[in-house]
Amino acid sequence: MTPERFAKLRRALERRQPDLTVLADGVNKPHNVSAILRTADAVGVHRIHAISTSGAMRRHHMIAGGVKNWVGLTLHATTPHALAALRGDGWRLVAAHSSASARDYRSIDYTAKVAVIVGAELLGPSPAALAEADEHVAIPMLGLGESVNVSVATAVILLEAQRQRAAAGFYDRPRLPPDELERTLFEWCYPDVAERCRELGRAYPRLGADGAMLENPLKSAS
């Protein structure tokens, strides 16, 4: 771990947005999952949520390239379970769907605690998700097509969220709780050591200003 790499990882974590997320409701194509993860990382989403009844989403996350290390994934067995969990945690649910009541995606306040719900390529979010959502939003289509690819739609909406949050100064200061930031930073810097510490039930060691571990947490470990 070089000081330069450590500073880059810390800076990325200091820009993470714990109150902006995506719920992938039935998105199973690997290239769409990978693209959503890359966009989530780019705008500072710390964790996304997904429905996975077959394990496909977990497999896609594991093969999504390096970005899988930087964006957390919470899996839910069913859409109602995911919606209940998000609602119980205070998320405002915004579904990307061109319904009769849909608003222009740019008219939504994304500086609130918002979960953007996106669905499969042809079907969109499930009926359960659409019924539970606080808002439906749509991207204006000026051509002959009725929609864009789900990963493109996710990127368009998240980049609007990024624009609003940048204007509000949300990227100017750390927004993760300090203990979560430090824990995640160690896991990003030393994933193998972090995994071994968890197996042994040991606390992560403190890191110096240059990213070096101030003590060996695995000393005398068998």
Protein backbone atom coordinates (compact mmCIF):
# COMPACT_ATOMS: atom_id res chain seq x y z
CA MET A 1 0.00 0.00 0.00
CA THR A 2 1.65 3.22 -1.16
CA PRO A 3 0.82 6.58 0.42
CA GLU A 4 -0.56 7.73 -2.94
CA ARG A 5 -2.89 4.74 -3.22
CA PHE A 6 -4.01 5.16 0.38
CA ALA A 7 -4.83 8.83 -0.20
CA LYS A 8 -6.83 7.96 -3.32
CA LEU A 9 -8.89 5.34 -1.48
CA ARG A 10 -9.54 7.64 1.47
CA ARG A 11 -10.60 10.46 -0.81
CA ALA A 12 -13.07 8.17 -2.62
CA LEU A 13 -14.59 7.08 0.70
CA GLU A 14 -14.88 10.68 1.84
CA ARG A 15 -17.11 11.29 -1.20
CA ARG A 16 -19.39 8.29 -0.64
CA GLN A 17 -23.09 9.05 -0.37
CA PRO A 18 -24.71 6.73 2.19
CA ASP A 19 -28.19 8.11 1.47
CA LEU A 20 -28.27 7.42 -2.27
CA THR A 21 -28.77 3.90 -3.58
CA VAL A 22 -30.16 1.74 -6.37
CA LEU A 23 -32.58 -1.17 -6.11
CA ALA A 24 -32.10 -3.49 -9.09
CA ASP A 25 -35.45 -5.24 -9.33
CA GLY A 26 -34.98 -8.23 -11.63
CA VAL A 27 -31.91 -6.90 -13.47
CA ASN A 28 -29.98 -10.07 -14.29
CA LYS A 29 -27.97 -9.52 -17.47
CA PRO A 30 -24.28 -9.39 -16.49
CA HIS A 31 -23.39 -6.42 -18.69
CA ASN A 32 -26.22 -4.35 -17.20
CA VAL A 33 -25.25 -5.28 -13.65
CA SER A 34 -21.62 -4.37 -14.33
CA ALA A 35 -22.57 -1.05 -15.91
CA ILE A 36 -24.85 -0.14 -12.99
CA LEU A 37 -22.07 -0.93 -10.52
CA ARG A 38 -19.58 1.22 -12.45
CA THR A 39 -21.97 4.17 -12.51
CA ALA A 40 -22.78 3.71 -8.82
CA ASP A 41 -19.08 3.88 -7.99
CA ALA A 42 -18.58 6.90 -10.24
CA VAL A 43 -21.22 8.98 -8.46
CA GLY A 44 -20.25 7.81 -4.97
CA VAL A 45 -23.00 5.31 -4.19
CA HIS A 46 -21.71 3.25 -1.28
CA ARG A 47 -24.06 0.26 -1.57
CA ILE A 48 -26.72 -1.00 -3.96
CA HIS A 49 -29.61 -3.38 -3.36
CA ALA A 50 -30.86 -6.15 -5.61
CA ILE A 51 -33.38 -8.96 -5.85
CA SER A 52 -31.80 -12.35 -6.35
CA THR A 53 -33.78 -15.56 -6.09
CA SER A 54 -31.30 -17.70 -8.02
CA GLY A 55 -27.90 -16.35 -6.96
CA ALA A 56 -27.35 -14.75 -10.36
CA MET A 57 -26.88 -11.25 -8.99
CA ARG A 58 -24.23 -12.42 -6.54
CA ARG A 59 -22.35 -14.17 -9.35
CA HIS A 60 -22.58 -11.08 -11.56
CA HIS A 61 -21.30 -8.91 -8.72
CA MET A 62 -18.32 -11.19 -8.18
CA ILE A 63 -17.31 -11.03 -11.86
CA ALA A 64 -18.01 -7.33 -12.34
CA GLY A 65 -14.34 -6.39 -12.41
CA GLY A 66 -12.49 -4.26 -9.90
CA VAL A 67 -15.50 -2.09 -9.11
CA LYS A 68 -17.06 -4.96 -7.12
CA ASN A 69 -14.52 -4.16 -4.40
CA TRP A 70 -15.77 -0.60 -3.98
CA VAL A 71 -19.58 -0.86 -4.13
CA GLY A 72 -21.37 -2.97 -1.53
CA LEU A 73 -24.22 -5.27 -2.49
CA THR A 74 -27.21 -6.18 -0.32
CA LEU A 75 -29.32 -9.02 -1.71
CA HIS A 76 -33.00 -9.55 -0.95
CA ALA A 77 -34.93 -12.76 -1.58
CA THR A 78 -38.05 -11.01 -2.88
CA THR A 79 -39.15 -7.58 -4.02
CA PRO A 80 -41.58 -7.12 -1.07
CA HIS A 81 -38.75 -7.96 1.33
CA ALA A 82 -36.47 -5.39 -0.31
CA LEU A 83 -39.16 -2.70 -0.32
CA ALA A 84 -40.00 -3.31 3.33
CA ALA A 85 -36.34 -3.15 4.32
CA LEU A 86 -35.74 0.10 2.45
CA ARG A 87 -38.96 1.67 3.67
CA GLY A 88 -38.18 0.65 7.23
CA ASP A 89 -34.82 2.38 6.95
CA GLY A 90 -36.40 5.63 5.82
CA TRP A 91 -35.67 5.56 2.10
CA ARG A 92 -37.80 7.49 -0.39
CA LEU A 93 -38.55 5.13 -3.30
CA VAL A 94 -38.31 6.50 -6.84
CA ALA A 95 -39.11 4.06 -9.65
CA ALA A 96 -37.82 4.60 -13.18
CA HIS A 97 -40.94 3.89 -15.20
CA SER A 98 -42.86 5.78 -17.88
CA SER A 99 -46.28 5.57 -16.29
CA ALA A 100 -49.09 8.08 -16.77
CA SER A 101 -48.12 9.73 -13.49
CA ALA A 102 -44.36 9.79 -14.14
CA ARG A 103 -42.50 13.05 -13.65
CA ASP A 104 -39.43 14.23 -15.51
CA TYR A 105 -36.48 12.60 -13.72
CA ARG A 106 -34.86 16.03 -13.27
CA SER A 107 -37.77 17.33 -11.17
CA ILE A 108 -37.01 15.02 -8.22
CA ASP A 109 -35.00 16.12 -5.18
CA TYR A 110 -32.09 13.67 -5.06
CA THR A 111 -30.51 15.35 -2.05
CA ALA A 112 -33.04 13.45 0.07
CA LYS A 113 -32.51 9.83 1.13
CA VAL A 114 -33.43 8.28 -2.21
CA ALA A 115 -33.45 4.74 -3.56
CA VAL A 116 -33.76 4.62 -7.35
CA ILE A 117 -35.63 1.48 -8.46
CA VAL A 118 -34.79 0.10 -11.88
CA GLY A 119 -36.11 -3.04 -13.51
CA ALA A 120 -35.40 -5.58 -16.20
CA GLU A 121 -34.84 -4.48 -19.78
CA LEU A 122 -38.31 -5.14 -21.19
CA LEU A 123 -40.58 -5.25 -18.14
CA GLY A 124 -39.17 -2.49 -15.96
CA PRO A 125 -39.73 -2.55 -12.18
CA SER A 126 -42.16 -5.16 -10.89
CA PRO A 127 -45.81 -4.27 -10.15
CA ALA A 128 -45.02 -4.50 -6.42
CA ALA A 129 -42.23 -1.96 -6.75
CA LEU A 130 -44.31 0.38 -8.88
CA ALA A 131 -47.18 0.25 -6.41
CA GLU A 132 -44.92 0.97 -3.41
CA ALA A 133 -42.87 3.75 -5.04
CA ASP A 134 -43.40 7.32 -3.86
CA GLU A 135 -42.70 8.64 -7.34
CA HIS A 136 -42.36 7.39 -10.91
CA VAL A 137 -39.81 9.19 -13.06
CA ALA A 138 -39.16 9.05 -16.77
CA ILE A 139 -36.45 10.20 -19.15
CA PRO A 140 -37.99 12.27 -21.99
CA MET A 141 -37.73 10.37 -25.27
CA LEU A 142 -37.53 12.54 -28.38
CA GLY A 143 -36.98 9.78 -30.93
CA LEU A 144 -38.96 6.74 -31.94
CA GLY A 145 -37.85 4.45 -29.15
CA GLU A 146 -39.90 4.16 -25.97
CA SER A 147 -37.02 3.64 -23.56
CA VAL A 148 -33.28 3.33 -23.17
CA ASN A 149 -31.24 0.43 -21.80
CA VAL A 150 -31.65 -0.05 -18.03
CA SER A 151 -27.99 0.67 -17.35
CA VAL A 152 -28.20 3.85 -19.42
CA ALA A 153 -31.35 4.95 -17.59
CA THR A 154 -29.67 4.29 -14.25
CA ALA A 155 -26.64 6.34 -15.31
CA VAL A 156 -28.75 9.27 -16.49
CA ILE A 157 -30.70 9.40 -13.22
CA LEU A 158 -27.67 8.93 -10.98
CA LEU A 159 -25.73 11.64 -12.80
CA GLU A 160 -28.61 14.05 -12.14
CA ALA A 161 -28.43 13.01 -8.48
CA GLN A 162 -24.69 13.69 -8.55
CA ARG A 163 -25.26 17.12 -10.07
CA GLN A 164 -27.75 18.09 -7.37
CA ARG A 165 -25.61 16.72 -4.57
CA ALA A 166 -22.47 18.44 -5.84
CA ALA A 167 -24.35 21.76 -5.98
CA ALA A 168 -25.47 21.17 -2.37
CA GLY A 169 -21.89 20.50 -1.25
CA PHE A 170 -22.49 16.84 -0.44
CA TYR A 171 -19.10 15.82 -1.85
CA ASP A 172 -17.17 18.44 0.09
CA ARG A 173 -17.11 16.59 3.41
CA PRO A 174 -17.22 12.96 4.55
CA ARG A 175 -20.76 11.70 4.97
CA LEU A 176 -20.13 8.15 6.14
CA PRO A 177 -20.08 7.66 9.92
CA PRO A 178 -16.42 7.87 11.05
CA ASP A 179 -16.29 4.27 12.29
CA GLU A 180 -17.75 2.95 9.03
CA LEU A 181 -15.35 5.05 6.99
CA GLU A 182 -12.31 3.77 8.89
CA ARG A 183 -13.51 0.16 8.82
CA THR A 184 -14.23 0.26 5.10
CA LEU A 185 -10.93 2.01 4.40
CA PHE A 186 -9.03 -0.82 6.07
CA GLU A 187 -11.02 -3.42 4.12
CA TRP A 188 -10.27 -1.60 0.87
CA CYS A 189 -6.57 -1.29 1.66
CA TYR A 190 -5.98 -4.74 3.14
CA PRO A 191 -8.82 -7.07 2.08
CA ASP A 192 -6.95 -10.29 2.84
CA VAL A 193 -5.85 -9.14 6.28
CA ALA A 194 -9.37 -7.87 7.01
CA GLU A 195 -10.86 -11.24 6.11
CA ARG A 196 -8.39 -13.06 8.36
CA CYS A 197 -9.10 -10.66 11.24
CA ARG A 198 -12.82 -11.38 10.92
CA GLU A 199 -12.16 -15.12 10.95
CA LEU A 200 -10.10 -14.76 14.13
CA GLY A 201 -12.47 -12.28 15.76
CA ARG A 202 -9.73 -9.64 15.97
CA ALA A 203 -10.12 -5.89 15.61
CA TYR A 204 -8.56 -4.15 12.65
CA PRO A 205 -5.34 -2.33 13.51
CA ARG A 206 -5.06 1.43 13.22
CA LEU A 207 -3.53 2.86 10.07
CA GLY A 208 -0.89 5.55 9.95
CA ALA A 209 -1.14 8.72 7.90
CA ASP A 210 0.60 6.93 5.04
CA GLY A 211 -1.73 3.92 5.16
CA ALA A 212 0.70 1.54 6.86
CA MET A 213 -0.63 -0.75 9.60
CA LEU A 214 0.64 0.42 12.99
CA GLU A 215 0.70 -3.14 14.30
CA ASN A 216 0.46 -6.68 12.96
CA PRO A 217 -3.02 -8.01 13.80
CA LEU A 218 -2.09 -11.52 12.67
CA LYS A 219 0.95 -11.92 14.89
CA SER A 220 0.99 -15.39 16.43
CA ALA A 221 -2.07 -16.37 14.38
CA SER A 222 -2.01 -20.02 13.32
